[in-house]
Protein backbone atom coordinates (compact mmCIF):
# COMPACT_ATOMS: atom_id res chain seq x y z
CA MET A 1 120.09 -35.48 -75.90
CA SER A 2 122.81 -36.81 -73.62
CA PHE A 3 125.81 -34.54 -73.05
CA HIS A 4 127.74 -36.28 -70.28
CA ASP A 5 129.40 -39.43 -69.11
CA PRO A 6 126.73 -40.93 -66.78
CA SER A 7 129.36 -41.20 -64.04
CA LEU A 8 129.63 -37.40 -63.94
CA SER A 9 127.18 -34.93 -62.47
CA PRO A 10 124.12 -34.37 -64.69
CA TYR A 11 124.56 -30.64 -63.98
CA LEU A 12 128.05 -30.39 -65.40
CA LEU A 13 127.96 -27.82 -68.20
CA PRO A 14 128.57 -29.10 -71.72
CA GLU A 15 131.24 -27.47 -73.83
CA GLY A 16 130.48 -24.27 -75.69
CA ASN A 17 127.74 -21.71 -75.26
CA VAL A 18 124.80 -22.55 -73.00
CA HIS A 19 121.45 -20.78 -72.68
CA ILE A 20 119.70 -21.49 -69.37
CA ALA A 21 116.00 -20.78 -69.83
CA PHE A 22 114.70 -19.42 -66.52
CA SER A 23 110.90 -19.34 -66.43
CA GLY A 24 110.71 -17.63 -63.05
CA GLY A 25 109.36 -20.75 -61.34
CA ARG A 26 110.69 -22.99 -58.59
CA THR A 27 111.74 -25.84 -60.89
CA SER A 28 113.87 -23.80 -63.28
CA ALA A 29 115.33 -21.87 -60.33
CA TYR A 30 116.28 -25.17 -58.71
CA MET A 31 117.94 -26.26 -61.96
CA LEU A 32 119.84 -22.96 -62.10
CA HIS A 33 121.03 -23.41 -58.52
CA GLN A 34 122.28 -26.94 -59.17
CA ILE A 35 124.12 -25.92 -62.33
CA ALA A 36 125.77 -22.98 -60.56
CA GLU A 37 126.78 -25.12 -57.56
CA THR A 38 128.22 -27.89 -59.73
CA ASN A 39 130.22 -25.56 -61.97
CA GLY A 40 131.43 -23.08 -59.37
CA GLY A 41 129.17 -20.32 -60.67
CA ILE A 42 127.98 -19.26 -64.10
CA PRO A 43 130.85 -18.80 -66.59
CA ASP A 44 130.92 -16.21 -69.37
CA CYS A 45 129.85 -18.72 -72.01
CA VAL A 46 126.49 -19.15 -70.25
CA ARG A 47 123.50 -16.82 -70.44
CA VAL A 48 120.61 -17.14 -68.00
CA VAL A 49 117.59 -15.61 -69.73
CA PHE A 50 114.18 -14.65 -68.37
CA ALA A 51 111.54 -13.68 -70.94
CA ASN A 52 109.17 -10.95 -69.75
CA THR A 53 105.72 -11.30 -71.36
CA GLY A 54 104.05 -8.57 -69.30
CA ARG A 55 101.52 -11.05 -67.96
CA GLU A 56 103.62 -12.39 -65.08
CA MET A 57 102.51 -11.93 -61.49
CA ASN A 58 104.53 -9.32 -59.61
CA GLY A 59 105.69 -12.10 -57.29
CA THR A 60 107.30 -13.88 -60.25
CA LEU A 61 109.25 -10.78 -61.27
CA ASP A 62 110.37 -10.23 -57.68
CA PHE A 63 111.45 -13.87 -57.39
CA VAL A 64 113.57 -13.66 -60.55
CA GLN A 65 115.35 -10.61 -59.19
CA GLU A 66 115.84 -12.19 -55.77
CA VAL A 67 117.37 -15.31 -57.33
CA SER A 68 119.84 -13.07 -59.15
CA ASP A 69 120.66 -11.00 -56.07
CA ARG A 70 120.92 -13.79 -53.50
CA TRP A 71 122.89 -16.21 -55.67
CA ALA A 72 124.98 -13.56 -57.46
CA ILE A 73 123.89 -14.88 -60.85
CA PRO A 74 123.47 -12.42 -63.73
CA ILE A 75 120.11 -12.84 -65.43
CA THR A 76 119.30 -11.21 -68.76
CA TRP A 77 115.68 -10.02 -69.02
CA VAL A 78 114.28 -9.84 -72.54
CA LYS A 79 110.88 -8.90 -73.91
CA TYR A 80 109.33 -9.13 -77.36
CA SER A 81 109.30 -6.04 -79.58
CA PRO A 82 107.14 -5.66 -82.72
CA VAL A 83 109.99 -3.82 -84.48
CA LYS A 84 113.55 -4.83 -85.30
CA PRO A 85 115.56 -6.32 -83.71
CA TRP A 86 112.28 -7.86 -82.38
CA TYR A 87 113.38 -7.88 -78.72
CA GLU A 88 114.42 -5.49 -75.96
CA VAL A 89 116.66 -6.05 -72.96
CA VAL A 90 114.88 -4.85 -69.82
CA SER A 91 115.25 -5.26 -66.06
CA HIS A 92 113.14 -5.76 -62.96
CA ASN A 93 112.54 -2.02 -62.64
CA ILE A 94 111.36 -1.46 -66.21
CA ALA A 95 109.85 -4.88 -67.01
CA ALA A 96 106.41 -4.87 -68.61
CA ARG A 97 103.64 -5.56 -66.11
CA ASP A 98 100.43 -4.86 -68.03
CA GLY A 99 100.72 -7.29 -70.93
CA GLU A 100 102.35 -4.79 -73.31
CA PRO A 101 104.62 -7.30 -75.15
CA PHE A 102 101.79 -9.83 -75.35
CA LYS A 103 99.40 -7.27 -76.83
CA ALA A 104 102.04 -5.97 -79.25
CA MET A 105 102.67 -9.51 -80.48
CA ILE A 106 98.96 -10.17 -81.09
CA LEU A 107 98.52 -6.91 -82.98
CA HIS A 108 101.67 -7.45 -85.05
CA LYS A 109 100.94 -11.10 -85.88
CA ARG A 110 97.17 -10.51 -86.14
CA PHE A 111 96.61 -13.72 -84.25
CA VAL A 112 95.41 -14.71 -80.76
CA PRO A 113 97.31 -17.77 -79.45
CA ASN A 114 95.48 -21.00 -78.77
CA GLY A 115 96.24 -24.59 -77.80
CA ARG A 116 96.97 -25.59 -81.38
CA LYS A 117 99.27 -22.67 -82.14
CA ARG A 118 101.03 -21.24 -79.10
CA ILE A 119 102.71 -18.33 -80.80
CA CYS A 120 102.88 -16.62 -77.40
CA THR A 121 105.56 -19.06 -76.21
CA GLU A 122 107.27 -19.04 -79.59
CA GLN A 123 107.41 -15.26 -80.03
CA LEU A 124 107.50 -13.87 -76.49
CA LYS A 125 109.95 -16.38 -75.06
CA VAL A 126 111.75 -18.65 -77.52
CA ARG A 127 112.42 -16.19 -80.34
CA ALA A 128 112.99 -13.15 -78.13
CA ALA A 129 115.75 -15.00 -76.26
CA LYS A 130 117.19 -16.52 -79.43
CA ARG A 131 117.41 -13.15 -81.19
CA MET A 132 119.20 -11.64 -78.21
CA LEU A 133 121.77 -14.45 -78.19
CA VAL A 134 122.36 -14.22 -81.95
CA SER A 135 122.88 -10.46 -81.57
CA GLN A 136 125.75 -11.29 -79.21
CA GLY A 137 127.45 -13.34 -81.90
CA TRP A 138 126.27 -16.78 -80.85
CA LYS A 139 125.92 -19.22 -83.77
CA SER A 140 124.69 -22.30 -81.93
CA TRP A 141 124.30 -23.39 -78.33
CA VAL A 142 122.87 -25.83 -75.81
CA LYS A 143 119.59 -24.77 -74.17
CA ALA A 144 118.91 -25.97 -70.61
CA LEU A 145 115.23 -26.48 -69.79
CA GLY A 146 113.80 -26.92 -66.28
CA ILE A 147 111.77 -30.03 -67.03
CA ARG A 148 111.57 -32.69 -64.33
CA ALA A 149 111.69 -36.48 -64.54
CA ASP A 150 108.02 -36.69 -63.51
CA GLU A 151 106.92 -34.69 -66.57
CA PRO A 152 107.35 -37.40 -69.22
CA HIS A 153 104.90 -35.72 -71.61
CA ARG A 154 107.49 -32.93 -72.01
CA HIS A 155 110.60 -35.09 -72.52
CA ASP A 156 110.41 -35.68 -76.26
CA MET A 157 110.84 -32.15 -77.55
CA PRO A 158 113.15 -32.08 -80.57
CA ASP A 159 116.21 -29.89 -80.89
CA GLN A 160 115.60 -26.57 -82.62
CA PRO A 161 117.62 -24.63 -85.20
CA ARG A 162 120.77 -23.37 -83.43
CA GLU A 163 119.67 -25.04 -80.14
CA ALA A 164 120.40 -28.51 -78.76
CA LEU A 165 118.05 -29.13 -75.85
CA TRP A 166 119.39 -30.23 -72.45
CA MET A 167 117.19 -31.43 -69.57
CA PRO A 168 119.53 -32.02 -66.60
CA LEU A 169 116.67 -32.58 -64.14
CA VAL A 170 115.52 -35.55 -66.20
CA SER A 171 119.01 -37.08 -66.12
CA ALA A 172 119.16 -36.40 -62.36
CA ASN A 173 115.72 -38.02 -61.88
CA VAL A 174 114.47 -34.92 -60.06
CA ARG A 175 110.78 -34.93 -59.19
CA ARG A 176 108.40 -32.34 -57.84
CA ASP A 177 108.74 -33.37 -54.19
CA GLU A 178 112.52 -32.90 -54.31
CA VAL A 179 112.13 -29.38 -55.72
CA LEU A 180 109.60 -28.47 -53.01
CA ARG A 181 111.88 -29.83 -50.26
CA PHE A 182 114.73 -27.73 -51.62
CA TRP A 183 112.67 -24.55 -51.37
CA GLN A 184 111.51 -25.40 -47.86
CA ARG A 185 115.18 -25.22 -46.82
CA GLN A 186 115.86 -21.87 -48.49
CA PRO A 187 115.62 -18.42 -46.81
CA PHE A 188 113.39 -17.20 -49.66
CA ASP A 189 110.82 -18.66 -52.02
CA LEU A 190 108.30 -17.85 -54.72
CA ALA A 191 105.44 -16.04 -52.98
CA ALA A 192 102.47 -18.24 -52.05
CA GLY A 193 99.90 -18.39 -54.82
CA THR A 194 102.37 -17.14 -57.43
CA VAL A 195 102.94 -19.05 -60.65
CA SER A 196 105.53 -18.42 -63.34
CA ASN A 197 103.01 -18.84 -66.12
CA CYS A 198 101.17 -15.84 -67.55
CA ARG A 199 98.13 -14.77 -65.55
CA GLN A 200 94.99 -16.52 -66.79
CA CYS A 201 96.95 -18.57 -69.30
CA PHE A 202 94.68 -20.68 -71.51
CA GLN A 203 97.14 -23.57 -71.01
CA PHE A 204 96.73 -23.60 -67.24
CA HIS A 205 94.91 -26.37 -65.37
CA ARG A 206 91.24 -25.50 -65.11
CA VAL A 207 91.08 -25.62 -61.30
CA LYS A 208 93.91 -23.15 -60.85
CA LEU A 209 92.75 -21.03 -63.76
CA ALA A 210 89.37 -20.65 -62.07
CA ALA A 211 91.15 -19.67 -58.84
CA GLN A 212 93.05 -16.94 -60.70
CA MET A 213 89.83 -15.66 -62.22
CA ARG A 214 88.25 -15.41 -58.78
CA ALA A 215 91.34 -13.74 -57.29
CA GLU A 216 91.51 -11.10 -60.07
CA PRO A 217 87.94 -10.55 -61.31
CA GLN A 218 89.00 -7.18 -62.74
CA ASP A 219 91.52 -8.79 -65.10
CA ARG A 220 89.95 -8.61 -68.55
CA PHE A 221 93.13 -8.86 -70.61
CA PRO A 222 92.04 -12.05 -72.44
CA ASP A 223 88.70 -10.44 -73.35
CA GLU A 224 90.46 -7.32 -74.64
CA MET A 225 92.82 -9.38 -76.80
CA GLU A 226 89.90 -11.26 -78.33
CA GLU A 227 88.20 -7.94 -79.07
CA THR A 228 90.98 -7.32 -81.61
CA GLY A 229 89.09 -9.76 -83.84
CA PHE A 230 92.16 -11.97 -84.34
CA GLY A 231 90.74 -15.12 -82.75
CA THR A 232 89.98 -16.71 -79.39
CA PHE A 233 92.17 -18.46 -76.84
CA ILE A 234 89.83 -21.44 -76.35
CA ASP A 235 88.68 -23.35 -79.45
CA GLY A 236 86.47 -20.66 -80.89
CA VAL A 237 84.72 -19.97 -77.57
CA PRO A 238 84.81 -16.33 -76.39
CA TRP A 239 86.75 -15.90 -73.16
CA ALA A 240 83.78 -14.34 -71.35
CA GLN A 241 81.68 -17.41 -72.12
CA PHE A 242 84.52 -19.73 -71.15
CA ARG A 243 85.02 -17.85 -67.87
CA GLU A 244 81.34 -18.03 -66.98
CA LYS A 245 81.17 -21.77 -67.61
CA LEU A 246 84.47 -22.48 -65.87
CA LEU A 247 83.54 -20.58 -62.71
CA ALA A 248 80.17 -22.32 -62.61
CA GLN A 249 81.70 -25.78 -62.93
CA SER A 250 85.12 -25.50 -61.29
CA ASP A 251 83.92 -26.90 -57.96
CA MET A 252 83.27 -30.15 -59.82
CA PHE A 253 86.93 -30.50 -60.85
CA GLU A 254 89.54 -32.27 -58.74
CA GLU A 255 92.96 -30.84 -57.98
CA PRO A 256 95.47 -31.59 -60.75
CA GLU A 257 97.92 -33.31 -58.39
CA ARG A 258 95.35 -36.06 -57.80
CA HIS A 259 95.13 -36.94 -61.47
CA PRO A 260 98.41 -37.41 -63.37
CA ARG A 261 96.39 -37.84 -66.56
CA HIS A 262 95.59 -34.14 -66.42
CA ARG A 263 99.25 -33.24 -66.88
CA SER A 264 99.15 -32.58 -70.56
CA CYS A 265 99.38 -29.68 -72.95
CA GLY A 266 96.58 -27.41 -71.85
CA ALA A 267 96.77 -28.47 -68.21
CA TYR A 268 100.08 -27.41 -66.69
CA GLU A 269 100.39 -28.66 -63.12
CA ASP A 270 102.83 -26.04 -61.89
CA GLY A 271 102.28 -23.29 -64.41
CA GLU A 272 105.69 -23.27 -66.07
CA CYS A 273 105.43 -22.74 -69.80
CA THR A 274 108.34 -24.22 -71.72
CA ALA A 275 110.59 -21.48 -73.04
């Protein structure tokens, strides 16, 4: 959806309430910075929201807080709750770090997310944020997503009930190299090796997923969630079997940046899950 006269800045805020979805990654942080710079800060009609799934790396949580502190931008942290009002407002200090919201969602919905039905994104991020905004009296709003121009497979998402989607980085023709150059000039950055996606996300590119498995061999959260009996993350294949095969074959895979065709649902290049 187009919100602006093309002669104006693509980061100029549209009228009315705006929800800026901050994934905790470099791209959405860059978008947040550009919006704040263009509009002289973040006005009261805008909410910057970070959804805490409990499966983020500590470096992601630290980065979200540092963005807020260094740029003087208020960020609302929300997490899923299995009881009404179905969300909680948290903070860096009390954010979930051991997958608690993710596990609670699986037990409540009696379903393990997979590539065909990503209820993790829907429940832990989209609906948690939406319910918080509605509780504040919002009826409808524009939702800003940190999706770049070089991610065309993500451009055609339809508007949602209450939400009109806005992708300013697409209008600004921002690509990955520009985002990386921006962070090279900043006094802080997302810690090396940190991604904003959930640890060992089934949607992650196989090369980087294998690297995470090697880096955290003690992480058995996916196995434990499948032990609930509510399904598997990978097309009916138990995670332990998937892990074994992936680690055995990962050296055969090429890095995702070398193959644009890999940039599809189930193979996120940078690890940012659309919220």
